[in-house]
Amino acid sequence: MQQQPGGLITVVIASLDDRRISYTLDSLSNQTLKPYEIIVADGGTSWDIADVCKKYGARLENLPGNVVETRNKVLSLVKGDLIAFIDTDEVAVPTWLEKLSVPIISGKADFSGGPMLHKEAKSGPERYVNLLEDNIYKYQVPANIAYLPLGNSMWRRTVLQKLGGFDPSIPYSEDYDLNIRALNAGFKGSYVVDAAVYHDHSEFTSYSKLVRKRYAYLRSAALVFIKNKALTMRIKSKSGGRVNHPFYFVETLMKPIALLDAFIKS
């Protein structure tokens, strides 16, 4: 399938010391809609990632900083009209870019995104994150596109420019902040159910790591909704009910603590 006029696609992958990127790049080589360019925005990988990028024809840009800073730096280097974001722990299905681009090229949306699928979990913490993500895509995203994670999304480059990119003061939940700002500015988003990527959460090998990650996310998400005066939206959002995993009760206890923490820091 050839890209339509005005729809040249740049795929951006933010990376840092994750060798799974080879699987991500391999999945991009099999797309039915070929991207105009693939940029690996690297925050400071310690091994020779250049060889992997060269193998798959990706352009490596060394952009030191945390993931938000790196993504902001790469925006000015993009040549495509549309920017698709995928992460190093994700593998796209062959029709991923094709499906994501349809609502944007047709003029029905300014950004789009699809669901994340999972293979069988190898640990309890990994299984919890998979179930939680399934819950988000089954209930929250279809009800409100503001909850769309960045890792499987496509944006008009002009929209990101008008919004000023990502807020560097919002770690972990910079995607929710971007979505809310985009919607408040009058831009439209579209959820594309068949534009899927497989998301690998195998790094969650212990509950202590899961606690740290989830608390950081919950606090950051609370900061986003406080900043954008959208706490009411968050409270009324469809959660789909409890996640069928014992850790769900731990996360439920962490939520009010993280919210209080966010209020203190805001």
C-alpha atoms as a PDB file:
ATOM      1  CA  MET A   1       0.000   0.000   0.000  1.00  0.00           C
ATOM      2  CA  GLN A   2       1.391   3.426  -0.978  1.00  0.00           C
ATOM      3  CA  GLN A   3       1.203   6.377   1.369  1.00  0.00           C
ATOM      4  CA  GLN A   4      -1.305   9.005   0.328  1.00  0.00           C
ATOM      5  CA  PRO A   5      -0.352  12.670  -0.307  1.00  0.00           C
ATOM      6  CA  GLY A   6      -0.004  14.560   2.951  1.00  0.00           C
ATOM      7  CA  GLY A   7       0.382  11.326   4.850  1.00  0.00           C
ATOM      8  CA  LEU A   8       4.118  10.604   4.959  1.00  0.00           C
ATOM      9  CA  ILE A   9       4.744   8.716   8.188  1.00  0.00           C
ATOM     10  CA  THR A  10       7.665   8.961  10.574  1.00  0.00           C
ATOM     11  CA  VAL A  11       7.871   6.259  13.236  1.00  0.00           C
ATOM     12  CA  VAL A  12       9.547   7.405  16.453  1.00  0.00           C
ATOM     13  CA  ILE A  13      10.993   4.945  18.954  1.00  0.00           C
ATOM     14  CA  ALA A  14      12.358   6.347  22.223  1.00  0.00           C
ATOM     15  CA  SER A  15      15.026   3.947  23.473  1.00  0.00           C
ATOM     16  CA  LEU A  16      17.352   3.395  26.407  1.00  0.00           C
ATOM     17  CA  ASP A  17      19.261   0.146  26.995  1.00  0.00           C
ATOM     18  CA  ASP A  18      16.480  -2.126  25.775  1.00  0.00           C
ATOM     19  CA  ARG A  19      17.621  -4.879  23.425  1.00  0.00           C
ATOM     20  CA  ARG A  20      14.020  -5.756  22.621  1.00  0.00           C
ATOM     21  CA  ILE A  21      14.150  -2.906  20.111  1.00  0.00           C
ATOM     22  CA  SER A  22      15.310  -5.405  17.487  1.00  0.00           C
ATOM     23  CA  TYR A  23      11.875  -7.079  17.645  1.00  0.00           C
ATOM     24  CA  THR A  24      10.175  -3.683  17.363  1.00  0.00           C
ATOM     25  CA  LEU A  25      12.205  -2.752  14.294  1.00  0.00           C
ATOM     26  CA  ASP A  26      11.637  -6.146  12.721  1.00  0.00           C
ATOM     27  CA  SER A  27       7.866  -5.696  13.042  1.00  0.00           C
ATOM     28  CA  LEU A  28       8.129  -2.320  11.297  1.00  0.00           C
ATOM     29  CA  SER A  29       9.923  -3.911   8.357  1.00  0.00           C
ATOM     30  CA  ASN A  30       6.810  -6.036   7.726  1.00  0.00           C
ATOM     31  CA  GLN A  31       4.250  -3.228   7.624  1.00  0.00           C
ATOM     32  CA  THR A  32       1.707  -3.168   4.800  1.00  0.00           C
ATOM     33  CA  LEU A  33       2.082   0.626   4.810  1.00  0.00           C
ATOM     34  CA  LYS A  34       5.773   1.442   4.737  1.00  0.00           C
ATOM     35  CA  PRO A  35       6.904   4.413   6.847  1.00  0.00           C
ATOM     36  CA  TYR A  36       8.759   7.287   5.207  1.00  0.00           C
ATOM     37  CA  GLU A  37      11.377   7.092   7.967  1.00  0.00           C
ATOM     38  CA  ILE A  38      12.066   5.403  11.290  1.00  0.00           C
ATOM     39  CA  ILE A  39      13.866   7.419  13.950  1.00  0.00           C
ATOM     40  CA  VAL A  40      15.342   5.806  17.040  1.00  0.00           C
ATOM     41  CA  ALA A  41      15.576   8.602  19.596  1.00  0.00           C
ATOM     42  CA  ASP A  42      18.121   7.262  22.039  1.00  0.00           C
ATOM     43  CA  GLY A  43      18.556   8.658  25.528  1.00  0.00           C
ATOM     44  CA  GLY A  44      22.017   7.156  26.089  1.00  0.00           C
ATOM     45  CA  THR A  45      22.125   3.404  25.491  1.00  0.00           C
ATOM     46  CA  SER A  46      25.331   1.807  26.811  1.00  0.00           C
ATOM     47  CA  TRP A  47      25.705  -0.842  24.085  1.00  0.00           C
ATOM     48  CA  ASP A  48      26.139  -0.353  20.345  1.00  0.00           C
ATOM     49  CA  ILE A  49      22.565   0.239  19.247  1.00  0.00           C
ATOM     50  CA  ALA A  50      23.790   1.730  15.969  1.00  0.00           C
ATOM     51  CA  ASP A  51      24.337  -1.743  14.495  1.00  0.00           C
ATOM     52  CA  VAL A  52      20.712  -2.717  15.153  1.00  0.00           C
ATOM     53  CA  CYS A  53      19.419   0.521  13.651  1.00  0.00           C
ATOM     54  CA  LYS A  54      21.583   0.099  10.558  1.00  0.00           C
ATOM     55  CA  LYS A  55      20.315  -3.456  10.044  1.00  0.00           C
ATOM     56  CA  TYR A  56      16.722  -2.233   9.793  1.00  0.00           C
ATOM     57  CA  GLY A  57      17.365   1.070   8.029  1.00  0.00           C
ATOM     58  CA  ALA A  58      16.423   3.203  11.037  1.00  0.00           C
ATOM     59  CA  ARG A  59      18.001   6.591  11.699  1.00  0.00           C
ATOM     60  CA  LEU A  60      19.677   6.818  15.096  1.00  0.00           C
ATOM     61  CA  GLU A  61      19.573  10.144  16.910  1.00  0.00           C
ATOM     62  CA  ASN A  62      21.501  10.487  20.169  1.00  0.00           C
ATOM     63  CA  LEU A  63      19.290  12.686  22.342  1.00  0.00           C
ATOM     64  CA  PRO A  64      20.328  12.436  26.018  1.00  0.00           C
ATOM     65  CA  GLY A  65      17.720  12.950  28.715  1.00  0.00           C
ATOM     66  CA  ASN A  66      14.724  11.231  30.223  1.00  0.00           C
ATOM     67  CA  VAL A  67      12.068   9.850  27.891  1.00  0.00           C
ATOM     68  CA  VAL A  68      10.015  13.074  27.846  1.00  0.00           C
ATOM     69  CA  GLU A  69      13.056  15.221  27.072  1.00  0.00           C
ATOM     70  CA  THR A  70      14.205  12.819  24.360  1.00  0.00           C
ATOM     71  CA  ARG A  71      10.787  12.807  22.697  1.00  0.00           C
ATOM     72  CA  ASN A  72      10.658  16.599  22.717  1.00  0.00           C
ATOM     73  CA  LYS A  73      14.095  16.820  21.126  1.00  0.00           C
ATOM     74  CA  VAL A  74      13.224  14.417  18.313  1.00  0.00           C
ATOM     75  CA  LEU A  75      10.090  16.317  17.236  1.00  0.00           C
ATOM     76  CA  SER A  76      12.141  18.969  15.430  1.00  0.00           C
ATOM     77  CA  LEU A  77      13.998  16.249  13.481  1.00  0.00           C
ATOM     78  CA  VAL A  78      10.910  14.568  12.059  1.00  0.00           C
ATOM     79  CA  LYS A  79      10.274  14.908   8.307  1.00  0.00           C
ATOM     80  CA  GLY A  80       6.948  13.083   8.029  1.00  0.00           C
ATOM     81  CA  ASP A  81       3.513  14.690   8.173  1.00  0.00           C
ATOM     82  CA  LEU A  82       2.325  12.036  10.635  1.00  0.00           C
ATOM     83  CA  ILE A  83       4.253  10.721  13.637  1.00  0.00           C
ATOM     84  CA  ALA A  84       3.621   7.209  14.933  1.00  0.00           C
ATOM     85  CA  PHE A  85       4.940   6.323  18.373  1.00  0.00           C
ATOM     86  CA  ILE A  86       5.926   2.809  19.393  1.00  0.00           C
ATOM     87  CA  ASP A  87       8.145   1.682  22.273  1.00  0.00           C
ATOM     88  CA  THR A  88      11.040  -0.762  22.498  1.00  0.00           C
ATOM     89  CA  ASP A  89       8.921  -3.267  24.426  1.00  0.00           C
ATOM     90  CA  GLU A  90       6.267  -3.388  21.709  1.00  0.00           C
ATOM     91  CA  VAL A  91       5.830  -5.331  18.461  1.00  0.00           C
ATOM     92  CA  ALA A  92       3.364  -4.110  15.822  1.00  0.00           C
ATOM     93  CA  VAL A  93       1.021  -6.271  13.791  1.00  0.00           C
ATOM     94  CA  PRO A  94       1.635  -5.941   9.999  1.00  0.00           C
ATOM     95  CA  THR A  95      -1.335  -3.629   9.386  1.00  0.00           C
ATOM     96  CA  TRP A  96      -0.546  -1.340  12.329  1.00  0.00           C
ATOM     97  CA  LEU A  97       0.504   1.798  10.435  1.00  0.00           C
ATOM     98  CA  GLU A  98      -2.102   1.278   7.746  1.00  0.00           C
ATOM     99  CA  LYS A  99      -4.956   1.077  10.240  1.00  0.00           C
ATOM    100  CA  LEU A 100      -3.737   3.953  12.428  1.00  0.00           C
ATOM    101  CA  SER A 101      -3.399   6.311   9.486  1.00  0.00           C
ATOM    102  CA  VAL A 102      -6.918   5.872   8.074  1.00  0.00           C
ATOM    103  CA  PRO A 103      -8.893   8.192  10.418  1.00  0.00           C
ATOM    104  CA  ILE A 104      -6.201  10.883  10.218  1.00  0.00           C
ATOM    105  CA  ILE A 105      -5.687  10.861   6.446  1.00  0.00           C
ATOM    106  CA  SER A 106      -9.471  10.810   5.945  1.00  0.00           C
ATOM    107  CA  GLY A 107      -9.764  13.955   8.079  1.00  0.00           C
ATOM    108  CA  LYS A 108     -11.866  12.357  10.803  1.00  0.00           C
ATOM    109  CA  ALA A 109      -9.181  12.654  13.495  1.00  0.00           C
ATOM    110  CA  ASP A 110      -5.982  14.504  14.393  1.00  0.00           C
ATOM    111  CA  PHE A 111      -4.561  11.618  16.390  1.00  0.00           C
ATOM    112  CA  SER A 112      -5.350   7.925  16.695  1.00  0.00           C
ATOM    113  CA  GLY A 113      -4.349   4.889  18.681  1.00  0.00           C
ATOM    114  CA  GLY A 114      -4.978   1.203  19.049  1.00  0.00           C
ATOM    115  CA  PRO A 115      -4.949  -1.497  21.729  1.00  0.00           C
ATOM    116  CA  MET A 116      -2.099  -3.446  23.246  1.00  0.00           C
ATOM    117  CA  LEU A 117      -2.118  -7.230  23.285  1.00  0.00           C
ATOM    118  CA  HIS A 118      -0.085  -9.579  25.457  1.00  0.00           C
ATOM    119  CA  LYS A 119       1.463 -12.998  25.388  1.00  0.00           C
ATOM    120  CA  GLU A 120       1.194 -15.304  28.383  1.00  0.00           C
ATOM    121  CA  ALA A 121       2.712 -13.762  31.499  1.00  0.00           C
ATOM    122  CA  LYS A 122       5.671 -15.441  33.183  1.00  0.00           C
ATOM    123  CA  SER A 123       5.164 -13.942  36.654  1.00  0.00           C
ATOM    124  CA  GLY A 124       2.446 -12.598  38.934  1.00  0.00           C
ATOM    125  CA  PRO A 125       3.523  -8.945  38.584  1.00  0.00           C
ATOM    126  CA  GLU A 126       3.630  -9.243  34.794  1.00  0.00           C
ATOM    127  CA  ARG A 127       0.177 -10.819  34.770  1.00  0.00           C
ATOM    128  CA  TYR A 128      -1.198  -7.926  36.839  1.00  0.00           C
ATOM    129  CA  VAL A 129       0.150  -5.258  34.466  1.00  0.00           C
ATOM    130  CA  ASN A 130      -1.261  -7.167  31.497  1.00  0.00           C
ATOM    131  CA  LEU A 131      -4.699  -7.400  33.095  1.00  0.00           C
ATOM    132  CA  LEU A 132      -4.620  -3.741  34.079  1.00  0.00           C
ATOM    133  CA  GLU A 133      -3.743  -2.699  30.535  1.00  0.00           C
ATOM    134  CA  ASP A 134      -6.496  -4.930  29.145  1.00  0.00           C
ATOM    135  CA  ASN A 135      -8.916  -3.136  31.453  1.00  0.00           C
ATOM    136  CA  ILE A 136      -7.774   0.293  30.224  1.00  0.00           C
ATOM    137  CA  TYR A 137      -8.303  -0.602  26.571  1.00  0.00           C
ATOM    138  CA  LYS A 138     -11.577  -2.399  27.144  1.00  0.00           C
ATOM    139  CA  TYR A 139     -13.278   0.294  29.229  1.00  0.00           C
ATOM    140  CA  GLN A 140     -11.415   3.581  29.639  1.00  0.00           C
ATOM    141  CA  VAL A 141     -10.041   4.347  26.159  1.00  0.00           C
ATOM    142  CA  PRO A 142     -13.289   3.589  24.238  1.00  0.00           C
ATOM    143  CA  ALA A 143     -15.197   5.789  26.684  1.00  0.00           C
ATOM    144  CA  ASN A 144     -12.678   8.663  26.634  1.00  0.00           C
ATOM    145  CA  ILE A 145      -9.773   8.958  24.182  1.00  0.00           C
ATOM    146  CA  ALA A 146      -7.911  11.064  26.762  1.00  0.00           C
ATOM    147  CA  TYR A 147      -6.785   7.776  28.354  1.00  0.00           C
ATOM    148  CA  LEU A 148      -4.991   6.608  25.196  1.00  0.00           C
ATOM    149  CA  PRO A 149      -1.353   5.644  25.956  1.00  0.00           C
ATOM    150  CA  LEU A 150       1.268   7.150  23.647  1.00  0.00           C
ATOM    151  CA  GLY A 151       3.080   3.872  22.853  1.00  0.00           C
ATOM    152  CA  ASN A 152       0.561   2.883  20.209  1.00  0.00           C
ATOM    153  CA  SER A 153      -0.526   6.148  18.642  1.00  0.00           C
ATOM    154  CA  MET A 154      -0.206   8.388  15.583  1.00  0.00           C
ATOM    155  CA  TRP A 155      -0.357  12.188  15.492  1.00  0.00           C
ATOM    156  CA  ARG A 156      -0.397  14.959  12.948  1.00  0.00           C
ATOM    157  CA  ARG A 157       2.985  16.647  13.330  1.00  0.00           C
ATOM    158  CA  THR A 158       1.328  20.061  13.194  1.00  0.00           C
ATOM    159  CA  VAL A 159      -0.822  19.205  16.217  1.00  0.00           C
ATOM    160  CA  LEU A 160       2.223  18.332  18.321  1.00  0.00           C
ATOM    161  CA  GLN A 161       3.878  21.561  17.205  1.00  0.00           C
ATOM    162  CA  LYS A 162       0.840  23.661  18.134  1.00  0.00           C
ATOM    163  CA  LEU A 163       0.665  21.985  21.557  1.00  0.00           C
ATOM    164  CA  GLY A 164       4.366  22.603  22.203  1.00  0.00           C
ATOM    165  CA  GLY A 165       5.196  18.920  22.531  1.00  0.00           C
ATOM    166  CA  PHE A 166       5.304  17.094  25.853  1.00  0.00           C
ATOM    167  CA  ASP A 167       5.362  18.690  29.292  1.00  0.00           C
ATOM    168  CA  PRO A 168       8.759  17.778  30.821  1.00  0.00           C
ATOM    169  CA  SER A 169       7.394  18.334  34.331  1.00  0.00           C
ATOM    170  CA  ILE A 170       5.031  15.347  33.890  1.00  0.00           C
ATOM    171  CA  PRO A 171       6.960  12.054  33.965  1.00  0.00           C
ATOM    172  CA  TYR A 172       5.231   8.712  33.271  1.00  0.00           C
ATOM    173  CA  SER A 173       1.866  10.269  32.353  1.00  0.00           C
ATOM    174  CA  GLU A 174       2.968  12.815  29.759  1.00  0.00           C
ATOM    175  CA  ASP A 175       0.713  11.050  27.235  1.00  0.00           C
ATOM    176  CA  TYR A 176      -2.457  11.691  29.258  1.00  0.00           C
ATOM    177  CA  ASP A 177      -1.435  15.329  29.629  1.00  0.00           C
ATOM    178  CA  LEU A 178      -0.878  15.635  25.876  1.00  0.00           C
ATOM    179  CA  ASN A 179      -4.242  14.015  25.110  1.00  0.00           C
ATOM    180  CA  ILE A 180      -6.156  16.313  27.439  1.00  0.00           C
ATOM    181  CA  ARG A 181      -4.453  19.410  26.047  1.00  0.00           C
ATOM    182  CA  ALA A 182      -5.180  18.255  22.497  1.00  0.00           C
ATOM    183  CA  LEU A 183      -8.868  17.671  23.217  1.00  0.00           C
ATOM    184  CA  ASN A 184      -9.183  20.974  25.072  1.00  0.00           C
ATOM    185  CA  ALA A 185      -7.692  22.702  22.008  1.00  0.00           C
ATOM    186  CA  GLY A 186     -10.397  21.205  19.800  1.00  0.00           C
ATOM    187  CA  PHE A 187      -8.430  18.387  18.172  1.00  0.00           C
ATOM    188  CA  LYS A 188     -10.085  15.012  17.659  1.00  0.00           C
ATOM    189  CA  GLY A 189      -8.854  11.535  18.552  1.00  0.00           C
ATOM    190  CA  SER A 190      -9.908   8.128  17.243  1.00  0.00           C
ATOM    191  CA  TYR A 191      -9.615   4.675  18.800  1.00  0.00           C
ATOM    192  CA  VAL A 192      -8.754   2.062  16.153  1.00  0.00           C
ATOM    193  CA  VAL A 193      -9.479  -1.377  17.595  1.00  0.00           C
ATOM    194  CA  ASP A 194      -7.590  -3.335  14.931  1.00  0.00           C
ATOM    195  CA  ALA A 195      -4.373  -1.267  15.064  1.00  0.00           C
ATOM    196  CA  ALA A 196      -2.716  -3.455  17.672  1.00  0.00           C
ATOM    197  CA  VAL A 197       0.743  -3.917  19.108  1.00  0.00           C
ATOM    198  CA  TYR A 198       1.971  -6.659  21.431  1.00  0.00           C
ATOM    199  CA  HIS A 199       3.275  -5.198  24.689  1.00  0.00           C
ATOM    200  CA  ASP A 200       5.939  -7.088  26.644  1.00  0.00           C
ATOM    201  CA  HIS A 201       5.881  -6.467  30.406  1.00  0.00           C
ATOM    202  CA  SER A 202       8.417  -9.165  31.280  1.00  0.00           C
ATOM    203  CA  GLU A 203      10.577  -6.600  33.118  1.00  0.00           C
ATOM    204  CA  PHE A 204       8.115  -6.782  36.003  1.00  0.00           C
ATOM    205  CA  THR A 205       9.775  -9.652  37.836  1.00  0.00           C
ATOM    206  CA  SER A 206       9.078  -8.610  41.436  1.00  0.00           C
ATOM    207  CA  TYR A 207       6.263  -7.004  43.389  1.00  0.00           C
ATOM    208  CA  SER A 208       8.628  -4.440  44.903  1.00  0.00           C
ATOM    209  CA  LYS A 209       9.387  -3.137  41.414  1.00  0.00           C
ATOM    210  CA  LEU A 210       5.689  -3.189  40.583  1.00  0.00           C
ATOM    211  CA  VAL A 211       4.867  -1.115  43.682  1.00  0.00           C
ATOM    212  CA  ARG A 212       7.481   1.516  42.793  1.00  0.00           C
ATOM    213  CA  LYS A 213       6.365   1.768  39.174  1.00  0.00           C
ATOM    214  CA  ARG A 214       2.640   1.851  39.879  1.00  0.00           C
ATOM    215  CA  TYR A 215       2.976   4.434  42.648  1.00  0.00           C
ATOM    216  CA  ALA A 216       5.088   6.688  40.409  1.00  0.00           C
ATOM    217  CA  TYR A 217       2.477   6.354  37.674  1.00  0.00           C
ATOM    218  CA  LEU A 218      -0.474   7.008  40.002  1.00  0.00           C
ATOM    219  CA  ARG A 219       1.164  10.148  41.424  1.00  0.00           C
ATOM    220  CA  SER A 220       2.071  11.413  37.952  1.00  0.00           C
ATOM    221  CA  ALA A 221      -1.425  10.736  36.609  1.00  0.00           C
ATOM    222  CA  ALA A 222      -2.891  12.665  39.541  1.00  0.00           C
ATOM    223  CA  LEU A 223      -0.586  15.596  38.729  1.00  0.00           C
ATOM    224  CA  VAL A 224      -1.910  15.573  35.154  1.00  0.00           C
ATOM    225  CA  PHE A 225      -5.538  15.766  36.206  1.00  0.00           C
ATOM    226  CA  ILE A 226      -4.825  18.427  38.828  1.00  0.00           C
ATOM    227  CA  LYS A 227      -2.868  20.512  36.303  1.00  0.00           C
ATOM    228  CA  ASN A 228      -5.628  20.267  33.692  1.00  0.00           C
ATOM    229  CA  LYS A 229      -8.473  20.715  36.185  1.00  0.00           C
ATOM    230  CA  ALA A 230      -9.818  17.322  35.167  1.00  0.00           C
ATOM    231  CA  LEU A 231     -10.080  15.475  38.483  1.00  0.00           C
ATOM    232  CA  THR A 232     -13.851  15.178  38.072  1.00  0.00           C
ATOM    233  CA  MET A 233     -13.318  13.447  34.737  1.00  0.00           C
ATOM    234  CA  ARG A 234     -10.880  11.055  36.374  1.00  0.00           C
ATOM    235  CA  ILE A 235     -13.240  10.235  39.235  1.00  0.00           C
ATOM    236  CA  LYS A 236     -16.167   9.611  36.868  1.00  0.00           C
ATOM    237  CA  SER A 237     -14.169   7.573  34.338  1.00  0.00           C
ATOM    238  CA  LYS A 238     -15.207   3.988  33.639  1.00  0.00           C
ATOM    239  CA  SER A 239     -12.700   1.674  35.267  1.00  0.00           C
ATOM    240  CA  GLY A 240     -14.531  -1.498  34.285  1.00  0.00           C
ATOM    241  CA  GLY A 241     -14.500  -2.708  37.862  1.00  0.00           C
ATOM    242  CA  ARG A 242     -11.775  -4.503  39.764  1.00  0.00           C
ATOM    243  CA  VAL A 243      -8.888  -6.263  38.106  1.00  0.00           C
ATOM    244  CA  ASN A 244      -8.939  -9.955  38.980  1.00  0.00           C
ATOM    245  CA  HIS A 245      -5.567 -10.055  40.715  1.00  0.00           C
ATOM    246  CA  PRO A 246      -4.558  -9.744  44.425  1.00  0.00           C
ATOM    247  CA  PHE A 247      -2.354  -6.712  43.701  1.00  0.00           C
ATOM    248  CA  TYR A 248      -5.432  -4.742  42.709  1.00  0.00           C
ATOM    249  CA  PHE A 249      -6.191  -4.189  46.407  1.00  0.00           C
ATOM    250  CA  VAL A 250      -2.673  -2.843  46.980  1.00  0.00           C
ATOM    251  CA  GLU A 251      -3.111  -0.381  44.118  1.00  0.00           C
ATOM    252  CA  THR A 252      -6.498   0.657  45.468  1.00  0.00           C
ATOM    253  CA  LEU A 253      -4.804   1.586  48.761  1.00  0.00           C
ATOM    254  CA  MET A 254      -2.043   3.481  46.956  1.00  0.00           C
ATOM    255  CA  LYS A 255      -4.398   5.715  44.959  1.00  0.00           C
ATOM    256  CA  PRO A 256      -5.483   8.161  47.737  1.00  0.00           C
ATOM    257  CA  ILE A 257      -1.903   8.370  49.020  1.00  0.00           C
ATOM    258  CA  ALA A 258      -0.604   9.172  45.524  1.00  0.00           C
ATOM    259  CA  LEU A 259      -3.356  11.771  45.053  1.00  0.00           C
ATOM    260  CA  LEU A 260      -2.453  13.502  48.337  1.00  0.00           C
ATOM    261  CA  ASP A 261       1.220  13.368  47.343  1.00  0.00           C
ATOM    262  CA  ALA A 262       0.353  14.997  44.005  1.00  0.00           C
ATOM    263  CA  PHE A 263      -1.648  17.785  45.692  1.00  0.00           C
ATOM    264  CA  ILE A 264       1.316  18.555  47.941  1.00  0.00           C
ATOM    265  CA  LYS A 265       3.704  18.704  44.979  1.00  0.00           C
ATOM    266  CA  SER A 266       1.377  20.654  42.674  1.00  0.00           C
END
